[in-house]
Protein backbone atom coordinates (compact mmCIF):
# COMPACT_ATOMS: atom_id res chain seq x y z
CA MET A 1 33.87 146.41 88.69
CA SER A 2 35.29 145.20 92.00
CA GLN A 3 33.14 145.35 95.05
CA THR A 4 33.72 144.53 98.69
CA ILE A 5 31.51 142.24 100.73
CA ASN A 6 31.14 141.48 104.42
CA ARG A 7 34.31 139.54 105.12
CA GLU A 8 36.94 140.37 107.68
CA PHE A 9 39.97 142.30 106.45
CA ILE A 10 43.24 140.32 106.56
CA PRO A 11 46.30 142.51 107.20
CA LEU A 12 49.40 141.55 105.22
CA ASN A 13 53.09 142.14 105.93
CA ILE A 14 54.33 144.45 103.18
CA ALA A 15 57.89 145.57 102.42
CA ILE A 16 58.52 148.78 100.47
CA LEU A 17 61.62 149.25 98.31
CA THR A 18 62.50 152.62 96.81
CA ILE A 19 64.97 152.45 93.94
CA SER A 20 66.74 155.75 93.37
CA ASP A 21 70.21 157.19 92.93
CA THR A 22 69.15 160.51 94.44
CA ARG A 23 66.43 159.99 97.08
CA ASP A 24 66.89 159.54 100.79
CA ASP A 25 64.34 159.26 103.61
CA SER A 26 63.65 163.01 103.53
CA SER A 27 62.97 163.12 99.77
CA ASP A 28 61.38 159.70 99.18
CA PHE A 29 57.83 160.92 98.73
CA SER A 30 56.68 157.89 96.72
CA GLY A 31 57.91 155.37 99.28
CA ALA A 32 56.47 157.43 102.14
CA GLN A 33 53.11 157.68 100.37
CA LEU A 34 52.99 153.92 99.83
CA VAL A 35 53.76 153.34 103.52
CA GLU A 36 50.97 155.73 104.50
CA CYS A 37 48.50 154.06 102.12
CA LEU A 38 49.24 150.52 103.23
CA THR A 39 49.06 151.36 106.93
CA ASP A 40 45.89 153.41 106.46
CA ALA A 41 44.38 150.36 104.74
CA GLY A 42 45.22 148.22 107.77
CA HIS A 43 48.27 146.37 106.45
CA LEU A 44 51.55 146.09 108.34
CA LEU A 45 54.80 147.69 107.20
CA TYR A 46 57.48 145.04 107.47
CA GLU A 47 60.34 147.30 106.36
CA LYS A 48 61.10 150.22 104.05
CA VAL A 49 64.48 150.38 102.32
CA ILE A 50 66.08 152.66 99.71
CA VAL A 51 68.67 151.22 97.31
CA LYS A 52 70.55 152.65 94.34
CA ASP A 53 69.35 151.85 90.82
CA ASN A 54 71.81 148.98 90.61
CA LEU A 55 70.83 145.46 89.52
CA ASN A 56 72.74 143.73 92.32
CA GLU A 57 71.38 146.01 95.06
CA ILE A 58 67.80 145.65 93.80
CA SER A 59 67.89 141.89 93.37
CA GLY A 60 69.79 141.47 96.64
CA GLN A 61 67.16 143.33 98.69
CA ILE A 62 64.24 141.64 96.93
CA SER A 63 65.90 138.22 97.42
CA LYS A 64 66.39 138.93 101.12
CA TRP A 65 62.68 139.65 101.54
CA LEU A 66 61.66 136.67 99.38
CA ALA A 67 63.60 134.40 101.73
CA ASP A 68 61.80 135.83 104.77
CA GLU A 69 58.61 133.85 105.46
CA VAL A 70 57.02 136.86 107.22
CA VAL A 71 57.01 139.08 104.08
CA GLU A 72 53.86 138.48 102.04
CA VAL A 73 54.07 141.41 99.60
CA ILE A 74 56.90 143.51 98.21
CA ILE A 75 56.19 146.81 96.48
CA SER A 76 59.01 148.68 94.77
CA THR A 77 58.95 152.17 93.36
CA GLY A 78 61.38 153.47 90.76
CA GLY A 79 63.64 152.17 88.03
CA THR A 80 60.89 151.02 85.65
CA GLY A 81 61.53 153.54 82.88
CA VAL A 82 63.64 153.21 79.75
CA THR A 83 66.78 155.19 80.59
CA GLY A 84 70.17 153.55 80.95
CA ARG A 85 69.96 153.54 84.76
CA ASP A 86 66.45 152.03 84.93
CA GLY A 87 66.99 148.38 85.80
CA THR A 88 64.20 147.25 88.10
CA PRO A 89 62.55 144.85 85.62
CA GLU A 90 65.91 143.30 84.74
CA ALA A 91 66.74 142.82 88.43
CA VAL A 92 63.33 141.47 89.49
CA GLU A 93 62.06 139.35 86.59
CA PRO A 94 64.69 136.60 86.98
CA LEU A 95 63.59 136.20 90.62
CA LEU A 96 59.93 135.62 89.75
CA GLU A 97 58.46 132.14 89.42
CA LYS A 98 55.36 133.52 87.72
CA THR A 99 54.59 136.91 86.24
CA ILE A 100 51.22 138.60 86.49
CA ALA A 101 51.15 140.11 83.01
CA GLY A 102 47.77 141.74 83.53
CA PHE A 103 49.21 144.06 86.17
CA GLY A 104 51.46 145.95 83.76
CA GLU A 105 48.79 145.97 81.08
CA LEU A 106 46.13 147.30 83.46
CA PHE A 107 48.51 149.85 84.99
CA ARG A 108 49.43 151.28 81.58
CA SER A 109 45.76 151.40 80.58
CA LEU A 110 44.84 153.32 83.73
CA SER A 111 47.91 155.50 83.40
CA TYR A 112 46.97 156.31 79.79
CA GLU A 113 43.81 157.96 81.12
CA GLU A 114 46.01 160.25 83.26
CA ILE A 115 49.15 160.92 81.17
CA GLY A 116 48.29 159.78 77.65
CA THR A 117 50.85 158.06 75.46
CA SER A 118 53.65 158.69 77.97
CA SER A 119 52.24 155.65 79.77
CA LEU A 120 54.07 153.40 77.28
CA GLN A 121 57.36 154.34 78.98
CA SER A 122 56.43 152.39 82.11
CA ARG A 123 57.82 148.89 82.41
CA CYS A 124 56.04 148.17 85.69
CA LEU A 125 55.44 144.52 86.46
CA ALA A 126 54.18 142.07 89.04
CA GLY A 127 54.67 138.45 89.87
CA VAL A 128 55.04 135.75 92.49
CA ALA A 129 58.17 134.23 94.02
CA ASN A 130 58.47 131.93 97.04
CA GLY A 131 54.85 132.55 98.01
CA THR A 132 55.31 136.34 97.96
CA TYR A 133 53.67 138.89 95.68
CA VAL A 134 56.03 141.40 94.06
CA PHE A 135 54.81 144.65 92.49
CA CYS A 136 57.18 147.05 90.71
CA LEU A 137 55.81 150.56 90.24
CA PRO A 138 57.29 153.66 88.60
CA GLY A 139 59.03 156.22 90.81
CA SER A 140 56.59 159.11 90.53
CA THR A 141 54.22 159.59 93.44
CA ASN A 142 51.25 159.94 91.07
CA ALA A 143 52.11 156.64 89.39
CA CYS A 144 52.45 154.94 92.78
CA MET A 145 49.03 156.23 93.79
CA THR A 146 47.49 155.00 90.53
CA GLY A 147 48.98 151.55 91.10
CA TRP A 148 48.00 151.41 94.78
CA ASN A 149 44.54 153.01 94.62
CA LYS A 150 43.28 151.42 91.42
CA ILE A 151 44.89 147.96 91.49
CA ILE A 152 47.05 146.84 94.40
CA SER A 153 44.90 147.98 97.34
CA LEU A 154 41.87 146.22 95.90
CA GLN A 155 43.69 142.98 95.15
CA LEU A 156 45.28 142.97 98.62
CA ASP A 157 41.88 143.33 100.27
CA TYR A 158 40.29 139.98 101.12
CA ARG A 159 36.85 141.61 100.94
CA THR A 160 37.19 142.48 97.22
CA ARG A 161 34.98 140.31 95.03
CA PRO A 162 34.67 138.45 92.78
CA CYS A 163 38.24 137.44 93.67
CA ASN A 164 41.49 138.83 95.06
CA LEU A 165 45.13 137.91 95.51
CA VAL A 166 44.77 137.43 99.28
CA GLU A 167 42.58 134.37 98.70
CA LEU A 168 45.39 132.76 96.72
CA LEU A 169 48.19 133.41 99.24
CA PRO A 170 47.85 130.03 101.00
CA ARG A 171 48.15 128.26 97.64
CA LEU A 172 51.12 130.10 96.14
CA LYS A 173 53.67 127.46 97.14
CA GLU A 174 51.68 124.51 95.76
CA LYS A 175 53.55 122.32 93.32
CA GLY A 176 51.87 120.56 90.44
């Protein structure tokens, strides 16, 4: 079980991307909840954007943030299901240099405790590109809260032990 120790919190610059054909700022509850959670935790919102569930729009926005040295983390919500319009994994995976396979596995395991076998429908994923962490969550607010509260918030907290993703940030661009 993760635990926090006496180390100083390190705020990160986080961008939020909502992927939806129907949501706008007034109806984007998942994106708004993620913004609230990250700012409550002490992180900094770099930008929040909504794009259509379109491969080019998704990869274009993610690529823009990956090229920006200020953005340290990107969290998307939506488009991870199995319907014809769900294309987030297809848009994001080609941009990743490394995937963090354990994220999707852990998310589905935790989600199984909440929604049972329906958890297999989630194709959420995480990875690293250009020294930036990328997390792709489902579109439901409950799923976003599971991902944030039980995985992402802990791994983006430098105080979490025995290890966390913040510790690795300075080394993400190393070449072997």
